[in-house]
Amino acid sequence: MGLSPGMTCCQQKGASVSDPPDLIIFNMTTDEKQVNNPLHGKTLEFILKQLVWHYGWEELGTHVKIACFTNDPSLKSSLKFLRKTDWARKKVEKLYLDTFD
């Protein structure tokens, strides 16, 4: 979305100078917002599979102490838990970054 010649960021087409200004909100694409996010484009499933491949379930359970990694672990149950539990997901993401970044 560009501005017409002579327009400021607070004017709209057809609005007079005496009309209250409307703020034009520039829409950043997701890629622009995520430029500094090292996890951008990596799904939770991808992250978990990489960690399980690297550590195995038993060692992963020692790094991130959650029951779904130590008691009959499975990808499906772990993903379900991590998607519902923000603190656990953050620990898994941090371990991924510490391990592979």
Protein backbone atom coordinates (compact mmCIF):
# COMPACT_ATOMS: atom_id res chain seq x y z
CA MET A 1 0.00 0.00 0.00
CA GLY A 2 1.63 3.25 -1.12
CA LEU A 3 0.85 6.88 -0.48
CA SER A 4 -0.41 9.12 -3.26
CA PRO A 5 1.86 12.03 -4.09
CA GLY A 6 1.46 14.76 -1.50
CA MET A 7 -0.28 12.51 1.05
CA THR A 8 1.09 12.08 4.52
CA CYS A 9 0.84 8.86 6.48
CA CYS A 10 -2.12 10.29 8.36
CA GLN A 11 -4.29 11.24 5.38
CA GLN A 12 -6.54 9.09 3.26
CA LYS A 13 -7.64 9.60 -0.32
CA GLY A 14 -10.69 11.83 -0.44
CA ALA A 15 -10.16 13.19 3.07
CA SER A 16 -9.77 16.90 3.46
CA VAL A 17 -7.11 18.47 5.63
CA SER A 18 -9.78 19.46 8.16
CA ASP A 19 -10.98 15.87 8.59
CA PRO A 20 -9.51 13.99 11.58
CA PRO A 21 -6.52 11.98 10.43
CA ASP A 22 -6.74 8.22 10.18
CA LEU A 23 -3.60 6.31 10.86
CA ILE A 24 -2.52 4.13 8.00
CA ILE A 25 -1.27 0.84 9.39
CA PHE A 26 1.46 -0.74 7.37
CA ASN A 27 1.04 -4.50 7.24
CA MET A 28 4.30 -6.27 7.74
CA THR A 29 4.49 -9.74 6.32
CA THR A 30 5.13 -12.61 8.70
CA ASP A 31 8.65 -12.98 7.28
CA GLU A 32 9.44 -9.34 8.11
CA LYS A 33 8.20 -9.77 11.69
CA GLN A 34 10.08 -13.04 12.20
CA VAL A 35 13.45 -11.99 10.77
CA ASN A 36 15.20 -12.35 14.14
CA ASN A 37 13.34 -15.46 15.28
CA PRO A 38 15.61 -18.52 14.91
CA LEU A 39 12.59 -20.84 15.27
CA HIS A 40 10.69 -19.24 12.38
CA GLY A 41 9.55 -21.90 9.93
CA LYS A 42 10.24 -24.78 12.30
CA THR A 43 7.20 -26.63 13.56
CA LEU A 44 6.98 -28.01 17.07
CA GLU A 45 6.85 -31.49 15.55
CA PHE A 46 10.10 -30.85 13.63
CA ILE A 47 11.80 -29.50 16.78
CA LEU A 48 10.70 -32.46 18.89
CA LYS A 49 11.73 -35.03 16.25
CA GLN A 50 15.18 -33.44 16.02
CA LEU A 51 15.60 -33.53 19.80
CA VAL A 52 14.44 -37.15 20.04
CA TRP A 53 16.80 -38.12 17.21
CA HIS A 54 19.69 -36.31 18.91
CA TYR A 55 19.10 -37.27 22.55
CA GLY A 56 16.59 -40.12 22.60
CA TRP A 57 13.53 -40.03 24.89
CA GLU A 58 15.39 -41.02 28.05
CA GLU A 59 18.06 -38.33 27.85
CA LEU A 60 15.53 -35.78 26.60
CA GLY A 61 13.56 -36.48 29.78
CA THR A 62 16.61 -35.57 31.86
CA HIS A 63 17.05 -32.25 30.02
CA VAL A 64 13.36 -31.30 30.14
CA LYS A 65 11.73 -32.88 33.15
CA ILE A 66 8.19 -33.56 32.00
CA ALA A 67 6.35 -36.85 32.36
CA CYS A 68 5.46 -37.20 28.69
CA PHE A 69 9.18 -37.66 27.94
CA THR A 70 9.79 -40.25 30.68
CA ASN A 71 6.57 -42.26 31.11
CA ASP A 72 5.77 -44.24 27.94
CA PRO A 73 6.80 -41.39 25.62
CA SER A 74 5.34 -40.95 22.16
CA LEU A 75 5.51 -38.17 19.62
CA LYS A 76 1.73 -37.79 19.53
CA SER A 77 1.22 -37.48 23.31
CA SER A 78 4.23 -35.21 23.72
CA LEU A 79 3.06 -32.85 20.97
CA LYS A 80 -0.42 -32.73 22.48
CA PHE A 81 1.01 -31.80 25.88
CA LEU A 82 3.50 -29.26 24.52
CA ARG A 83 0.84 -27.50 22.44
CA LYS A 84 -1.30 -27.04 25.56
CA THR A 85 1.49 -26.21 28.02
CA ASP A 86 3.35 -23.00 27.24
CA TRP A 87 6.11 -23.36 29.87
CA ALA A 88 7.02 -26.86 28.66
CA ARG A 89 7.02 -25.81 25.00
CA LYS A 90 9.36 -22.91 25.84
CA LYS A 91 11.77 -25.30 27.59
CA VAL A 92 11.79 -27.61 24.58
CA GLU A 93 12.36 -24.69 22.20
CA LYS A 94 15.21 -23.39 24.39
CA LEU A 95 16.83 -26.83 24.44
CA TYR A 96 16.54 -27.00 20.65
CA LEU A 97 18.23 -23.61 20.28
CA ASP A 98 20.94 -24.51 22.79
CA THR A 99 21.56 -27.81 21.00
CA PHE A 100 21.39 -26.87 17.33
CA ASP A 101 21.95 -23.13 17.06
